[in-house]
């Protein structure tokens, strides 16, 4: 199927879940046909400094996992420092 694909998909699923007083989530990921898992996600039940704001995101690797993993590692920190978030403008902070 090409150099970046496996002969058959890896169908093992990795699941997780968590909850706090405001939110509950579940996640499931599967590698599929790619040689490596390229996707990443965040599930932050409480953004630091903002007790009632949760943040969830899924980042597709699009043929390589470097960017998706970088975004997952840094998104919450950058988001929580946005001036627009400090002003209560959540939508603008996400833009």
N, C-alpha and C. Protein backbone atom coordinates (compact mmCIF):
# COMPACT_ATOMS: atom_id res chain seq x y z
N UNK A 1 0.81 -1.22 0.00
CA UNK A 1 0.00 0.00 0.00
C UNK A 1 0.84 1.26 0.00
N UNK A 2 2.08 1.17 -0.32
CA UNK A 2 2.91 2.36 -0.30
C UNK A 2 3.85 2.33 0.88
N UNK A 3 4.84 3.19 0.84
CA UNK A 3 5.90 3.17 1.83
C UNK A 3 5.46 3.59 3.22
N UNK A 4 4.48 4.46 3.36
CA UNK A 4 4.09 4.94 4.68
C UNK A 4 2.92 4.16 5.28
N UNK A 5 2.54 3.06 4.61
CA UNK A 5 1.41 2.28 5.09
C UNK A 5 1.83 0.86 5.45
N UNK A 6 1.06 0.24 6.34
CA UNK A 6 1.28 -1.14 6.75
C UNK A 6 0.57 -2.10 5.81
N UNK A 7 0.94 -3.35 5.86
CA UNK A 7 0.27 -4.39 5.08
C UNK A 7 -1.18 -4.56 5.53
N UNK A 8 -1.41 -4.42 6.84
CA UNK A 8 -2.77 -4.48 7.39
C UNK A 8 -2.86 -3.48 8.54
N UNK A 9 -4.03 -2.96 8.81
CA UNK A 9 -4.16 -1.92 9.85
C UNK A 9 -3.96 -2.47 11.26
N UNK A 10 -3.45 -1.61 12.11
CA UNK A 10 -3.39 -1.92 13.55
C UNK A 10 -4.72 -1.44 14.13
N UNK A 11 -5.53 -2.38 14.57
CA UNK A 11 -6.89 -2.05 15.01
C UNK A 11 -7.04 -2.04 16.53
N UNK A 12 -5.95 -2.21 17.24
CA UNK A 12 -5.99 -2.12 18.70
C UNK A 12 -6.40 -0.70 19.08
N UNK A 13 -7.34 -0.60 20.00
CA UNK A 13 -7.83 0.72 20.40
C UNK A 13 -7.31 1.07 21.79
N UNK A 14 -6.90 2.31 21.94
CA UNK A 14 -6.46 2.85 23.23
C UNK A 14 -7.58 3.77 23.72
N UNK A 15 -8.13 3.47 24.87
CA UNK A 15 -9.24 4.27 25.38
C UNK A 15 -8.84 4.94 26.69
N UNK A 16 -9.55 5.98 27.02
CA UNK A 16 -9.32 6.69 28.26
C UNK A 16 -10.54 7.50 28.63
N UNK A 17 -10.59 7.92 29.86
CA UNK A 17 -11.69 8.78 30.31
C UNK A 17 -11.25 9.50 31.58
N UNK A 18 -11.95 10.57 31.87
CA UNK A 18 -11.72 11.32 33.10
C UNK A 18 -12.94 12.19 33.36
N UNK A 19 -13.03 12.68 34.56
CA UNK A 19 -14.12 13.59 34.92
C UNK A 19 -13.70 14.46 36.09
N UNK A 20 -14.37 15.59 36.19
CA UNK A 20 -14.28 16.44 37.38
C UNK A 20 -15.69 16.87 37.73
N UNK A 21 -15.84 17.86 38.57
CA UNK A 21 -17.19 18.25 39.01
C UNK A 21 -18.03 18.86 37.88
N UNK A 22 -17.40 19.34 36.82
CA UNK A 22 -18.12 20.00 35.73
C UNK A 22 -18.21 19.18 34.45
N UNK A 23 -17.20 18.36 34.16
CA UNK A 23 -17.12 17.70 32.87
C UNK A 23 -16.76 16.23 33.01
N UNK A 24 -17.12 15.49 31.96
CA UNK A 24 -16.75 14.09 31.85
C UNK A 24 -16.48 13.82 30.37
N UNK A 25 -15.41 13.08 30.08
CA UNK A 25 -15.12 12.77 28.68
C UNK A 25 -14.60 11.34 28.56
N UNK A 26 -14.68 10.82 27.36
CA UNK A 26 -14.07 9.54 27.01
C UNK A 26 -13.35 9.73 25.68
N UNK A 27 -12.28 8.97 25.48
CA UNK A 27 -11.52 9.06 24.23
C UNK A 27 -11.19 7.66 23.74
N UNK A 28 -10.98 7.56 22.45
CA UNK A 28 -10.59 6.29 21.84
C UNK A 28 -9.73 6.62 20.62
N UNK A 29 -8.59 5.95 20.51
CA UNK A 29 -7.73 6.17 19.36
C UNK A 29 -7.26 4.84 18.78
N UNK A 30 -7.03 4.84 17.46
CA UNK A 30 -6.58 3.65 16.77
C UNK A 30 -5.59 4.07 15.68
N UNK A 31 -4.49 3.38 15.57
CA UNK A 31 -3.43 3.74 14.63
C UNK A 31 -3.85 3.53 13.18
N UNK A 32 -4.50 2.44 12.87
CA UNK A 32 -4.94 2.19 11.50
C UNK A 32 -3.84 1.72 10.59
N UNK A 33 -3.82 2.23 9.36
CA UNK A 33 -2.90 1.78 8.31
C UNK A 33 -1.51 2.40 8.38
N UNK A 34 -1.34 3.48 9.10
CA UNK A 34 -0.05 4.17 9.13
C UNK A 34 0.98 3.38 9.94
N UNK A 35 2.27 3.58 9.62
CA UNK A 35 3.34 2.87 10.33
C UNK A 35 3.49 3.37 11.76
N UNK A 36 3.11 4.61 12.01
CA UNK A 36 3.19 5.20 13.35
C UNK A 36 1.91 5.98 13.63
N UNK A 37 1.56 6.10 14.90
CA UNK A 37 0.42 6.93 15.27
C UNK A 37 0.83 8.38 15.03
N UNK A 38 0.07 9.07 14.21
CA UNK A 38 0.41 10.45 13.84
C UNK A 38 -0.50 11.47 14.48
N UNK A 39 -1.61 11.05 15.02
CA UNK A 39 -2.58 11.97 15.58
C UNK A 39 -2.29 12.21 17.06
N UNK A 40 -2.82 13.28 17.57
CA UNK A 40 -2.68 13.61 18.99
C UNK A 40 -3.95 14.32 19.44
N UNK A 41 -4.16 14.35 20.74
CA UNK A 41 -5.33 15.06 21.26
C UNK A 41 -5.02 15.66 22.62
N UNK A 42 -5.86 16.62 23.00
CA UNK A 42 -5.81 17.17 24.35
C UNK A 42 -7.20 17.03 24.96
N UNK A 43 -7.21 16.79 26.23
CA UNK A 43 -8.45 16.75 26.99
C UNK A 43 -8.13 17.35 28.36
N UNK A 44 -8.30 18.63 28.45
CA UNK A 44 -7.95 19.38 29.66
C UNK A 44 -9.24 19.75 30.37
N UNK A 45 -9.49 19.11 31.50
CA UNK A 45 -10.75 19.34 32.21
C UNK A 45 -10.79 20.68 32.93
N UNK A 46 -9.65 21.28 33.11
CA UNK A 46 -9.60 22.61 33.73
C UNK A 46 -8.38 23.35 33.20
N UNK A 47 -8.62 24.38 32.41
CA UNK A 47 -7.52 25.20 31.89
C UNK A 47 -6.90 25.94 33.07
N UNK A 48 -5.57 25.88 33.21
CA UNK A 48 -4.92 26.55 34.35
C UNK A 48 -5.33 28.02 34.47
N UNK A 49 -5.81 28.37 35.65
CA UNK A 49 -6.25 29.74 35.91
C UNK A 49 -7.70 30.01 35.56
N UNK A 50 -8.39 29.02 34.98
CA UNK A 50 -9.79 29.18 34.56
C UNK A 50 -10.57 27.94 34.97
N UNK A 51 -11.03 27.96 36.20
CA UNK A 51 -11.64 26.78 36.83
C UNK A 51 -12.77 26.14 36.04
N UNK A 52 -13.59 26.93 35.35
CA UNK A 52 -14.77 26.37 34.68
C UNK A 52 -14.63 26.32 33.15
N UNK A 53 -13.39 26.32 32.67
CA UNK A 53 -13.17 26.19 31.23
C UNK A 53 -12.42 24.89 30.97
N UNK A 54 -13.00 24.05 30.13
CA UNK A 54 -12.33 22.83 29.68
C UNK A 54 -11.92 23.02 28.23
N UNK A 55 -10.93 22.26 27.80
CA UNK A 55 -10.42 22.40 26.44
C UNK A 55 -10.15 21.02 25.87
N UNK A 56 -10.74 20.75 24.70
CA UNK A 56 -10.58 19.48 24.03
C UNK A 56 -10.17 19.74 22.59
N UNK A 57 -9.27 18.94 22.06
CA UNK A 57 -8.85 19.09 20.68
C UNK A 57 -8.30 17.80 20.11
N UNK A 58 -8.51 17.61 18.83
CA UNK A 58 -7.97 16.47 18.10
C UNK A 58 -7.14 17.03 16.95
N UNK A 59 -5.91 16.55 16.82
CA UNK A 59 -4.98 17.07 15.84
C UNK A 59 -4.53 15.94 14.92
N UNK A 60 -4.85 16.05 13.65
CA UNK A 60 -4.54 15.02 12.66
C UNK A 60 -3.11 15.17 12.17
N UNK A 61 -2.39 14.06 12.11
CA UNK A 61 -0.99 14.09 11.70
C UNK A 61 -0.77 14.38 10.23
N UNK A 62 -1.73 14.09 9.36
CA UNK A 62 -1.60 14.34 7.92
C UNK A 62 -0.29 13.84 7.33
N UNK A 63 0.10 12.61 7.67
CA UNK A 63 1.31 12.05 7.10
C UNK A 63 2.56 12.22 7.93
N UNK A 64 2.43 12.73 9.13
CA UNK A 64 3.56 12.89 10.04
C UNK A 64 3.06 13.39 11.38
N UNK A 65 3.61 12.88 12.45
CA UNK A 65 3.10 13.23 13.77
C UNK A 65 3.78 14.37 14.48
N UNK A 66 4.81 14.95 13.88
CA UNK A 66 5.58 15.97 14.58
C UNK A 66 4.73 17.19 14.96
N UNK A 67 3.98 17.71 14.02
CA UNK A 67 3.19 18.92 14.27
C UNK A 67 2.03 18.63 15.22
N UNK A 68 1.31 17.54 15.00
CA UNK A 68 0.17 17.23 15.87
C UNK A 68 0.63 17.04 17.31
N UNK A 69 1.74 16.38 17.52
CA UNK A 69 2.25 16.17 18.88
C UNK A 69 2.75 17.48 19.50
N UNK A 70 3.36 18.35 18.69
CA UNK A 70 3.81 19.65 19.17
C UNK A 70 2.62 20.50 19.63
N UNK A 71 1.58 20.53 18.79
CA UNK A 71 0.39 21.32 19.13
C UNK A 71 -0.24 20.79 20.42
N UNK A 72 -0.37 19.47 20.53
CA UNK A 72 -0.97 18.89 21.75
C UNK A 72 -0.14 19.23 22.99
N UNK A 73 1.17 19.28 22.84
CA UNK A 73 2.05 19.56 23.99
C UNK A 73 2.01 21.02 24.43
N UNK A 74 1.69 21.94 23.52
CA UNK A 74 1.81 23.37 23.84
C UNK A 74 0.51 24.17 23.79
N UNK A 75 -0.55 23.61 23.23
CA UNK A 75 -1.78 24.37 23.00
C UNK A 75 -2.37 24.96 24.28
N UNK A 76 -2.51 24.15 25.31
CA UNK A 76 -3.16 24.61 26.55
C UNK A 76 -2.37 25.77 27.17
N UNK A 77 -1.06 25.65 27.21
CA UNK A 77 -0.24 26.71 27.79
C UNK A 77 -0.39 28.02 27.02
N UNK A 78 -0.31 27.95 25.70
CA UNK A 78 -0.44 29.15 24.88
C UNK A 78 -1.85 29.74 25.01
N UNK A 79 -2.86 28.89 24.93
CA UNK A 79 -4.25 29.33 25.04
C UNK A 79 -4.50 30.04 26.38
N UNK A 80 -4.00 29.46 27.47
CA UNK A 80 -4.28 30.03 28.79
C UNK A 80 -3.62 31.39 29.00
N UNK A 81 -2.63 31.72 28.19
CA UNK A 81 -1.93 33.00 28.32
C UNK A 81 -2.47 34.08 27.37
N UNK A 82 -3.44 33.73 26.53
CA UNK A 82 -3.98 34.69 25.57
C UNK A 82 -4.68 35.85 26.29
N UNK A 83 -4.40 37.07 25.89
CA UNK A 83 -5.02 38.25 26.49
C UNK A 83 -6.53 38.20 26.33
N UNK A 84 -7.01 37.76 25.18
CA UNK A 84 -8.45 37.69 24.96
C UNK A 84 -9.12 36.71 25.91
N UNK A 85 -8.44 35.65 26.30
CA UNK A 85 -9.01 34.74 27.29
C UNK A 85 -9.09 35.42 28.65
N UNK A 86 -8.07 36.16 28.99
CA UNK A 86 -8.06 36.91 30.25
C UNK A 86 -9.23 37.89 30.32
N UNK A 87 -9.65 38.37 29.14
CA UNK A 87 -10.78 39.30 29.05
C UNK A 87 -12.12 38.60 28.92
N UNK A 88 -12.11 37.26 28.96
CA UNK A 88 -13.35 36.49 28.88
C UNK A 88 -13.85 36.23 27.47
N UNK A 89 -13.04 36.51 26.47
CA UNK A 89 -13.42 36.32 25.07
C UNK A 89 -12.87 34.97 24.60
N UNK A 90 -13.56 33.90 24.97
CA UNK A 90 -13.06 32.54 24.72
C UNK A 90 -12.93 32.26 23.21
N UNK A 91 -13.96 32.59 22.44
CA UNK A 91 -13.91 32.36 21.00
C UNK A 91 -12.75 33.05 20.33
N UNK A 92 -12.51 34.29 20.71
CA UNK A 92 -11.39 35.05 20.15
C UNK A 92 -10.06 34.43 20.57
N UNK A 93 -9.99 33.92 21.78
CA UNK A 93 -8.76 33.30 22.26
C UNK A 93 -8.43 32.04 21.48
N UNK A 94 -9.43 31.37 20.97
CA UNK A 94 -9.21 30.15 20.19
C UNK A 94 -8.81 30.43 18.75
N UNK A 95 -9.05 31.65 18.29
CA UNK A 95 -8.75 32.00 16.90
C UNK A 95 -7.28 32.23 16.68
